[in-house]
C-alpha atoms as a PDB file:
ATOM      1  CA  MET A   1      -2.034  11.107  28.737  1.00  0.00           C
ATOM      2  CA  LEU A   2      -2.288  14.888  28.155  1.00  0.00           C
ATOM      3  CA  ALA A   3      -3.861  16.244  25.353  1.00  0.00           C
ATOM      4  CA  SER A   4      -4.375  19.368  23.191  1.00  0.00           C
ATOM      5  CA  SER A   5      -7.618  20.313  21.140  1.00  0.00           C
ATOM      6  CA  HIS A   6      -9.389  23.765  20.852  1.00  0.00           C
ATOM      7  CA  GLU A   7     -12.148  21.953  22.231  1.00  0.00           C
ATOM      8  CA  ASP A   8     -12.393  23.690  26.121  1.00  0.00           C
ATOM      9  CA  TRP A   9      -8.324  23.980  25.714  1.00  0.00           C
ATOM     10  CA  GLN A  10      -8.538  26.138  29.214  1.00  0.00           C
ATOM     11  CA  THR A  11     -10.831  23.784  31.375  1.00  0.00           C
ATOM     12  CA  ARG A  12      -8.742  20.461  30.738  1.00  0.00           C
ATOM     13  CA  ALA A  13      -5.261  22.690  31.088  1.00  0.00           C
ATOM     14  CA  PHE A  14      -6.832  23.809  34.677  1.00  0.00           C
ATOM     15  CA  GLY A  15      -7.144  19.880  35.500  1.00  0.00           C
ATOM     16  CA  TYR A  16      -3.965  18.625  33.774  1.00  0.00           C
ATOM     17  CA  ASP A  17      -2.158  21.448  35.947  1.00  0.00           C
ATOM     18  CA  SER A  18      -4.387  20.585  39.133  1.00  0.00           C
ATOM     19  CA  TRP A  19      -2.690  16.713  38.547  1.00  0.00           C
ATOM     20  CA  LEU A  20       0.160  17.305  37.916  1.00  0.00           C
ATOM     21  CA  LYS A  21       0.593  19.854  41.140  1.00  0.00           C
ATOM     22  CA  ARG A  22      -0.381  16.610  43.653  1.00  0.00           C
ATOM     23  CA  SER A  23       2.389  14.071  41.684  1.00  0.00           C
ATOM     24  CA  ARG A  24       4.786  16.404  43.334  1.00  0.00           C
ATOM     25  CA  GLY A  25       7.864  14.977  41.935  1.00  0.00           C
ATOM     26  CA  ARG A  26       6.443  11.229  42.037  1.00  0.00           C
ATOM     27  CA  PRO A  27       7.188   8.883  38.791  1.00  0.00           C
ATOM     28  CA  LEU A  28       4.844   9.607  35.837  1.00  0.00           C
ATOM     29  CA  SER A  29       4.223   7.633  32.692  1.00  0.00           C
ATOM     30  CA  LEU A  30       4.079  10.412  30.763  1.00  0.00           C
ATOM     31  CA  LYS A  31       1.997  10.754  26.653  1.00  0.00           C
ATOM     32  CA  LEU A  32       1.346  13.376  24.811  1.00  0.00           C
ATOM     33  CA  GLU A  33      -1.285  14.230  21.990  1.00  0.00           C
ATOM     34  CA  CYS A  34      -1.601  17.238  20.045  1.00  0.00           C
ATOM     35  CA  GLY A  35      -3.933  18.211  17.383  1.00  0.00           C
ATOM     36  CA  ASN A  36      -3.182  21.863  16.783  1.00  0.00           C
ATOM     37  CA  ASP A  37      -0.602  24.408  18.484  1.00  0.00           C
ATOM     38  CA  TRP A  38       2.013  22.412  20.546  1.00  0.00           C
ATOM     39  CA  SER A  39       3.128  25.707  22.669  1.00  0.00           C
ATOM     40  CA  GLU A  40      -0.215  24.777  24.853  1.00  0.00           C
ATOM     41  CA  LEU A  41       1.211  22.147  26.019  1.00  0.00           C
ATOM     42  CA  GLN A  42       4.440  23.107  26.303  1.00  0.00           C
ATOM     43  CA  SER A  43       3.482  26.103  28.982  1.00  0.00           C
ATOM     44  CA  LEU A  44       1.580  23.822  30.459  1.00  0.00           C
ATOM     45  CA  LEU A  45       4.386  21.670  31.468  1.00  0.00           C
ATOM     46  CA  GLN A  46       7.286  24.315  31.325  1.00  0.00           C
ATOM     47  CA  PRO A  47       6.511  24.655  35.194  1.00  0.00           C
ATOM     48  CA  TYR A  48       7.191  20.933  36.166  1.00  0.00           C
ATOM     49  CA  VAL A  49      10.516  20.882  33.841  1.00  0.00           C
ATOM     50  CA  GLN A  50      12.504  21.133  36.938  1.00  0.00           C
ATOM     51  CA  GLN A  51      10.911  18.760  39.072  1.00  0.00           C
ATOM     52  CA  VAL A  52      11.085  15.822  35.767  1.00  0.00           C
ATOM     53  CA  SER A  53      14.728  16.361  35.707  1.00  0.00           C
ATOM     54  CA  THR A  54      15.525  15.679  39.444  1.00  0.00           C
ATOM     55  CA  SER A  55      13.345  13.100  40.149  1.00  0.00           C
ATOM     56  CA  ARG A  56      15.832   9.650  40.894  1.00  0.00           C
ATOM     57  CA  HIS A  57      13.507   7.231  38.220  1.00  0.00           C
ATOM     58  CA  SER A  58      13.652   6.811  35.400  1.00  0.00           C
ATOM     59  CA  ARG A  59      11.085   8.060  32.695  1.00  0.00           C
ATOM     60  CA  ASP A  60       9.266   7.774  29.397  1.00  0.00           C
ATOM     61  CA  LEU A  61       7.844  10.239  26.875  1.00  0.00           C
ATOM     62  CA  THR A  62       5.529   9.430  24.300  1.00  0.00           C
ATOM     63  CA  VAL A  63       4.626  12.650  21.472  1.00  0.00           C
ATOM     64  CA  ARG A  64       1.456  11.775  19.367  1.00  0.00           C
ATOM     65  CA  LYS A  65      -0.210  13.117  16.572  1.00  0.00           C
ATOM     66  CA  TYR A  66      -3.430  12.989  14.909  1.00  0.00           C
ATOM     67  CA  MET A  67      -3.820  16.017  12.416  1.00  0.00           C
ATOM     68  CA  SER A  68      -1.840  17.238   9.193  1.00  0.00           C
ATOM     69  CA  GLY A  69       1.221  19.832  10.273  1.00  0.00           C
ATOM     70  CA  ASP A  70       4.622  19.478  10.725  1.00  0.00           C
ATOM     71  CA  TYR A  71       5.292  18.835  14.327  1.00  0.00           C
ATOM     72  CA  SER A  72       8.171  18.499  14.683  1.00  0.00           C
ATOM     73  CA  ARG A  73       9.144  21.863  14.124  1.00  0.00           C
ATOM     74  CA  ALA A  74       6.712  22.736  16.908  1.00  0.00           C
ATOM     75  CA  ILE A  75       8.737  20.604  19.700  1.00  0.00           C
ATOM     76  CA  ASN A  76      11.996  20.183  18.372  1.00  0.00           C
ATOM     77  CA  PRO A  77      12.601  23.046  21.326  1.00  0.00           C
ATOM     78  CA  SER A  78      11.294  20.322  24.233  1.00  0.00           C
ATOM     79  CA  LEU A  79      13.640  17.984  23.281  1.00  0.00           C
ATOM     80  CA  SER A  80      16.563  19.951  23.001  1.00  0.00           C
ATOM     81  CA  LYS A  81      17.052  19.770  26.341  1.00  0.00           C
ATOM     82  CA  LEU A  82      15.749  15.785  27.722  1.00  0.00           C
ATOM     83  CA  PRO A  83      15.044  15.552  31.404  1.00  0.00           C
ATOM     84  CA  VAL A  84      18.151  13.627  32.631  1.00  0.00           C
ATOM     85  CA  ASN A  85      16.187  10.311  33.690  1.00  0.00           C
ATOM     86  CA  LEU A  86      14.479   9.834  30.801  1.00  0.00           C
ATOM     87  CA  ARG A  87      15.221   7.064  28.564  1.00  0.00           C
ATOM     88  CA  THR A  88      12.312   6.032  26.784  1.00  0.00           C
ATOM     89  CA  ILE A  89      11.139   8.138  23.600  1.00  0.00           C
ATOM     90  CA  ASN A  90       8.218   7.330  21.267  1.00  0.00           C
ATOM     91  CA  MET A  91       7.486   9.839  18.737  1.00  0.00           C
ATOM     92  CA  ARG A  92       6.890   7.250  15.647  1.00  0.00           C
ATOM     93  CA  ASN A  93       4.209   9.494  14.257  1.00  0.00           C
ATOM     94  CA  VAL A  94       6.600  12.856  14.201  1.00  0.00           C
ATOM     95  CA  TRP A  95       9.096  12.603  10.799  1.00  0.00           C
ATOM     96  CA  PHE A  96      12.182  14.203  11.574  1.00  0.00           C
ATOM     97  CA  ASN A  97      14.898  15.196   8.803  1.00  0.00           C
ATOM     98  CA  ARG A  98      18.943  15.314   9.346  1.00  0.00           C
ATOM     99  CA  GLN A  99      18.482  18.809  10.300  1.00  0.00           C
ATOM    100  CA  GLN A 100      16.315  18.187  13.071  1.00  0.00           C
ATOM    101  CA  LEU A 101      18.265  15.495  14.606  1.00  0.00           C
ATOM    102  CA  ASP A 102      21.262  17.504  14.586  1.00  0.00           C
ATOM    103  CA  SER A 103      20.318  20.353  16.449  1.00  0.00           C
ATOM    104  CA  PHE A 104      19.719  17.579  19.321  1.00  0.00           C
ATOM    105  CA  ALA A 105      23.424  17.398  19.752  1.00  0.00           C
ATOM    106  CA  ASP A 106      24.469  17.315  23.518  1.00  0.00           C
ATOM    107  CA  SER A 107      21.419  17.644  24.516  1.00  0.00           C
ATOM    108  CA  GLY A 108      20.583  14.260  26.514  1.00  0.00           C
ATOM    109  CA  TRP A 109      19.755  11.932  23.603  1.00  0.00           C
ATOM    110  CA  ASP A 110      22.934   9.868  24.044  1.00  0.00           C
ATOM    111  CA  ARG A 111      21.366   8.662  27.718  1.00  0.00           C
ATOM    112  CA  LEU A 112      18.078   6.992  25.680  1.00  0.00           C
ATOM    113  CA  THR A 113      18.086   3.599  25.962  1.00  0.00           C
ATOM    114  CA  HIS A 114      14.895   3.132  23.236  1.00  0.00           C
ATOM    115  CA  LEU A 115      13.548   5.080  20.522  1.00  0.00           C
ATOM    116  CA  GLU A 116      10.833   5.182  18.153  1.00  0.00           C
ATOM    117  CA  ILE A 117      10.972   7.367  15.434  1.00  0.00           C
ATOM    118  CA  SER A 118       9.940   8.024  11.803  1.00  0.00           C
ATOM    119  CA  VAL A 119      12.748   9.945   9.745  1.00  0.00           C
ATOM    120  CA  ASP A 120      13.059  11.502   6.201  1.00  0.00           C
ATOM    121  CA  GLY A 121      16.201  10.575   4.581  1.00  0.00           C
ATOM    122  CA  ARG A 122      18.920   7.358   4.854  1.00  0.00           C
ATOM    123  CA  HIS A 123      21.296  10.778   6.275  1.00  0.00           C
ATOM    124  CA  ALA A 124      18.569  11.269   8.747  1.00  0.00           C
ATOM    125  CA  GLY A 125      18.662   7.190  10.101  1.00  0.00           C
ATOM    126  CA  ALA A 126      22.385   6.704  10.253  1.00  0.00           C
ATOM    127  CA  ARG A 127      22.417   9.904  12.516  1.00  0.00           C
ATOM    128  CA  ILE A 128      19.956   8.299  15.226  1.00  0.00           C
ATOM    129  CA  LEU A 129      22.589   5.859  15.807  1.00  0.00           C
ATOM    130  CA  SER A 130      25.678   8.547  16.206  1.00  0.00           C
ATOM    131  CA  LEU A 131      23.047   9.992  18.432  1.00  0.00           C
ATOM    132  CA  CYS A 132      22.093   7.791  20.792  1.00  0.00           C
ATOM    133  CA  PRO A 133      24.682   5.516  21.284  1.00  0.00           C
ATOM    134  CA  ASN A 134      23.523   3.657  24.237  1.00  0.00           C
ATOM    135  CA  LEU A 135      19.572   2.488  22.797  1.00  0.00           C
ATOM    136  CA  SER A 136      19.895  -0.993  23.291  1.00  0.00           C
ATOM    137  CA  SER A 137      16.760  -0.967  21.441  1.00  0.00           C
ATOM    138  CA  LEU A 138      14.972   0.881  18.276  1.00  0.00           C
ATOM    139  CA  LYS A 139      12.125   0.814  16.267  1.00  0.00           C
ATOM    140  CA  MET A 140      12.547   3.246  13.049  1.00  0.00           C
ATOM    141  CA  THR A 141      10.234   4.023   9.669  1.00  0.00           C
ATOM    142  CA  GLY A 142      12.019   5.469   6.841  1.00  0.00           C
ATOM    143  CA  LEU A 143      11.440   7.925   4.015  1.00  0.00           C
ATOM    144  CA  PHE A 144      14.500   7.256   1.281  1.00  0.00           C
ATOM    145  CA  ASN A 145      15.616   8.046  -1.947  1.00  0.00           C
ATOM    146  CA  PRO A 146      17.948   6.178  -3.779  1.00  0.00           C
ATOM    147  CA  GLY A 147      20.046   9.140  -4.385  1.00  0.00           C
ATOM    148  CA  GLN A 148      20.777  10.060  -0.630  1.00  0.00           C
ATOM    149  CA  THR A 149      24.633   9.316   0.373  1.00  0.00           C
ATOM    150  CA  ALA A 150      24.845   9.054   4.431  1.00  0.00           C
ATOM    151  CA  GLU A 151      28.126   8.783   6.444  1.00  0.00           C
ATOM    152  CA  PRO A 152      28.915   5.144   7.437  1.00  0.00           C
ATOM    153  CA  VAL A 153      28.030   4.890  11.882  1.00  0.00           C
ATOM    154  CA  LYS A 154      29.077   1.897  14.086  1.00  0.00           C
ATOM    155  CA  HIS A 155      26.698   1.747  16.884  1.00  0.00           C
ATOM    156  CA  THR A 156      28.541  -1.041  19.982  1.00  0.00           C
ATOM    157  CA  ASN A 157      24.925  -1.183  21.882  1.00  0.00           C
ATOM    158  CA  LEU A 158      21.933  -1.632  20.003  1.00  0.00           C
ATOM    159  CA  GLN A 159      20.580  -5.189  20.274  1.00  0.00           C
ATOM    160  CA  SER A 160      17.127  -4.593  18.736  1.00  0.00           C
ATOM    161  CA  LEU A 161      16.032  -3.157  15.470  1.00  0.00           C
ATOM    162  CA  VAL A 162      12.761  -2.735  13.906  1.00  0.00           C
ATOM    163  CA  LEU A 163      13.206  -1.057  10.501  1.00  0.00           C
ATOM    164  CA  SER A 164      10.036  -0.396   8.210  1.00  0.00           C
ATOM    165  CA  TRP A 165      10.222   1.826   5.134  1.00  0.00           C
ATOM    166  CA  THR A 166       9.713   3.077   1.637  1.00  0.00           C
ATOM    167  CA  VAL A 167      11.966   3.925  -0.854  1.00  0.00           C
ATOM    168  CA  ILE A 168      10.965   6.347  -3.512  1.00  0.00           C
ATOM    169  CA  ARG A 169      11.337   5.259  -6.804  1.00  0.00           C
ATOM    170  CA  ASN A 170      12.868   2.302  -6.322  1.00  0.00           C
ATOM    171  CA  PHE A 171      11.734  -1.378  -6.928  1.00  0.00           C
ATOM    172  CA  THR A 172      14.776  -2.464  -5.198  1.00  0.00           C
ATOM    173  CA  GLY A 173      13.757  -1.820  -2.443  1.00  0.00           C
ATOM    174  CA  ASP A 174      16.980  -1.190  -0.721  1.00  0.00           C
ATOM    175  CA  PRO A 175      16.409   1.773   1.812  1.00  0.00           C
ATOM    176  CA  GLY A 176      20.636   2.248   2.378  1.00  0.00           C
ATOM    177  CA  LEU A 177      21.265   2.022   5.476  1.00  0.00           C
ATOM    178  CA  PHE A 178      22.732  -1.775   5.382  1.00  0.00           C
ATOM    179  CA  GLN A 179      25.176  -0.583   3.424  1.00  0.00           C
ATOM    180  CA  VAL A 180      26.417   2.575   6.324  1.00  0.00           C
ATOM    181  CA  MET A 181      25.660   0.392   9.438  1.00  0.00           C
ATOM    182  CA  THR A 182      27.698  -1.954  11.965  1.00  0.00           C
ATOM    183  CA  LEU A 183      25.933  -3.142  14.420  1.00  0.00           C
ATOM    184  CA  PRO A 184      27.456  -6.142  16.502  1.00  0.00           C
ATOM    185  CA  LYS A 185      25.128  -6.828  19.035  1.00  0.00           C
ATOM    186  CA  LEU A 186      22.349  -6.925  17.101  1.00  0.00           C
ATOM    187  CA  ARG A 187      20.280 -10.181  18.220  1.00  0.00           C
ATOM    188  CA  MET A 188      16.432  -9.339  16.760  1.00  0.00           C
ATOM    189  CA  LEU A 189      16.162  -7.721  13.445  1.00  0.00           C
ATOM    190  CA  GLY A 190      12.178  -7.038  12.216  1.00  0.00           C
ATOM    191  CA  VAL A 191      11.558  -5.772   9.040  1.00  0.00           C
ATOM    192  CA  SER A 192       8.159  -4.073   7.888  1.00  0.00           C
ATOM    193  CA  HIS A 193       8.565  -3.600   3.472  1.00  0.00           C
ATOM    194  CA  ARG A 194       6.415  -3.983   0.308  1.00  0.00           C
ATOM    195  CA  GLY A 195       9.118  -4.921  -1.804  1.00  0.00           C
ATOM    196  CA  PRO A 196      12.324  -7.126  -2.569  1.00  0.00           C
ATOM    197  CA  TRP A 197      14.489  -7.863   0.202  1.00  0.00           C
ATOM    198  CA  PRO A 198      18.087  -6.776  -0.306  1.00  0.00           C
ATOM    199  CA  HIS A 199      19.460 -10.037   0.547  1.00  0.00           C
ATOM    200  CA  GLU A 200      23.263  -8.886  -0.916  1.00  0.00           C
ATOM    201  CA  SER A 201      23.633  -5.683   0.730  1.00  0.00           C
ATOM    202  CA  PHE A 202      22.168  -7.413   4.055  1.00  0.00           C
ATOM    203  CA  MET A 203      24.276  -9.972   3.828  1.00  0.00           C
ATOM    204  CA  GLU A 204      27.379  -7.490   3.666  1.00  0.00           C
ATOM    205  CA  PHE A 205      25.859  -6.198   6.711  1.00  0.00           C
ATOM    206  CA  LEU A 206      25.963  -8.917   8.734  1.00  0.00           C
ATOM    207  CA  THR A 207      29.422  -9.904   7.563  1.00  0.00           C
ATOM    208  CA  ARG A 208      30.656  -6.538   8.310  1.00  0.00           C
ATOM    209  CA  SER A 209      28.923  -6.416  11.876  1.00  0.00           C
ATOM    210  CA  LYS A 210      30.287 -10.187  13.001  1.00  0.00           C
ATOM    211  CA  CYS A 211      26.785 -10.255  15.113  1.00  0.00           C
ATOM    212  CA  SER A 212      25.264 -13.186  16.010  1.00  0.00           C
ATOM    213  CA  LEU A 213      21.065 -13.040  15.283  1.00  0.00           C
ATOM    214  CA  GLU A 214      18.664 -14.827  17.801  1.00  0.00           C
ATOM    215  CA  ARG A 215      15.252 -13.923  15.915  1.00  0.00           C
ATOM    216  CA  LEU A 216      14.419 -12.728  12.123  1.00  0.00           C
ATOM    217  CA  VAL A 217      11.509 -11.663  11.484  1.00  0.00           C
ATOM    218  CA  PHE A 218       9.973 -10.499   8.348  1.00  0.00           C
ATOM    219  CA  ASP A 219       6.736  -8.845   7.537  1.00  0.00           C
ATOM    220  CA  SER A 220       4.335 -10.976   5.114  1.00  0.00           C
ATOM    221  CA  GLN A 221       4.977  -7.991   2.181  1.00  0.00           C
ATOM    222  CA  VAL A 222       8.924  -8.275   1.990  1.00  0.00           C
ATOM    223  CA  TRP A 223      10.133 -10.652  -1.033  1.00  0.00           C
ATOM    224  CA  THR A 224      12.263 -13.131  -0.133  1.00  0.00           C
ATOM    225  CA  THR A 225      13.420 -16.454  -1.398  1.00  0.00           C
ATOM    226  CA  GLU A 226      14.294 -19.697   0.500  1.00  0.00           C
ATOM    227  CA  GLU A 227      18.065 -19.746  -1.082  1.00  0.00           C
ATOM    228  CA  GLU A 228      18.036 -15.962   1.233  1.00  0.00           C
ATOM    229  CA  HIS A 229      16.840 -17.694   4.102  1.00  0.00           C
ATOM    230  CA  ALA A 230      19.118 -20.304   3.221  1.00  0.00           C
ATOM    231  CA  ASN A 231      22.461 -18.058   3.366  1.00  0.00           C
ATOM    232  CA  MET A 232      21.183 -15.912   6.018  1.00  0.00           C
ATOM    233  CA  LEU A 233      20.700 -18.952   8.881  1.00  0.00           C
ATOM    234  CA  PRO A 234      24.852 -19.047   9.842  1.00  0.00           C
ATOM    235  CA  PHE A 235      24.958 -15.348  10.867  1.00  0.00           C
ATOM    236  CA  PHE A 236      22.191 -16.998  13.780  1.00  0.00           C
ATOM    237  CA  LEU A 237      22.944 -18.964  17.331  1.00  0.00           C
ATOM    238  CA  PRO A 238      22.429 -22.572  17.024  1.00  0.00           C
ATOM    239  CA  SER A 239      18.048 -21.978  16.071  1.00  0.00           C
ATOM    240  CA  LYS A 240      15.399 -23.245  15.139  1.00  0.00           C
ATOM    241  CA  LEU A 241      13.102 -22.216  11.793  1.00  0.00           C
ATOM    242  CA  LEU A 242       9.388 -21.664  12.606  1.00  0.00           C
ATOM    243  CA  ARG A 243       6.995 -20.793   9.942  1.00  0.00           C
ATOM    244  CA  SER A 244       4.210 -18.444  10.250  1.00  0.00           C
ATOM    245  CA  ARG A 245       1.515 -17.033   7.715  1.00  0.00           C
ATOM    246  CA  CYS A 246       2.983 -13.480   8.506  1.00  0.00           C
ATOM    247  CA  SER A 247       6.518 -13.958   8.261  1.00  0.00           C
ATOM    248  CA  PHE A 248       9.784 -15.654   8.284  1.00  0.00           C
ATOM    249  CA  ASP A 249      10.815 -15.973  11.714  1.00  0.00           C
ATOM    250  CA  VAL A 250      14.046 -17.779  13.560  1.00  0.00           C
ATOM    251  CA  ASP A 251      13.725 -17.936  17.036  1.00  0.00           C
ATOM    252  CA  VAL A 252      16.777 -19.437  19.867  1.00  0.00           C
ATOM    253  CA  LYS A 253      15.295 -21.976  22.062  1.00  0.00           C
END
């Protein structure tokens, strides 16, 4: 893990650089934590970008921020051309809007198979699916406004989706994504949301996607009813209904 902070950065940067030189192209699991200026880490990593890009091994990248600030703007240049072997990115603590995501078109995001990210706006949530057509799993946190719209999007590879969201000034709890998404290969859905479940739009989503779910997990703060559970069951593969204090859980046996 590489961490950037004001405290003794020069000394630690020397150690990081020595470690990266000793790697000699070997596969690495790299995590970045930035508490001040992303440019420091970016400058440190720049000489090794080509080394990472030409490696035959699949790699993953984790970016975390633990202080206030708009770090998405700072790291945008580093995400505009991903290494060819990068398949996994975890950026759930960094927020992106539609405009920022649009800047990543033709940048290698289409090779990603797993992504963890936070988005500002319904268009950004839908844009992720069109930007990353090869995703098999997605964990996404969203902040949505009921007045926003988004273009319909169909994703033919996504199998696992974990969603958590907040809807501004809307007590229906509907993020609007189920109205625009079509996911025919979806097998697992996890939901974390405080408030009522958007059952009507979700049922329309299931009907439109024609997917066969294997697992559906609701956080304990999601408000659902027994009748809604019963309506969902026909869309599952042969299953056994399980209950826990934290989730409504359908699991295939």
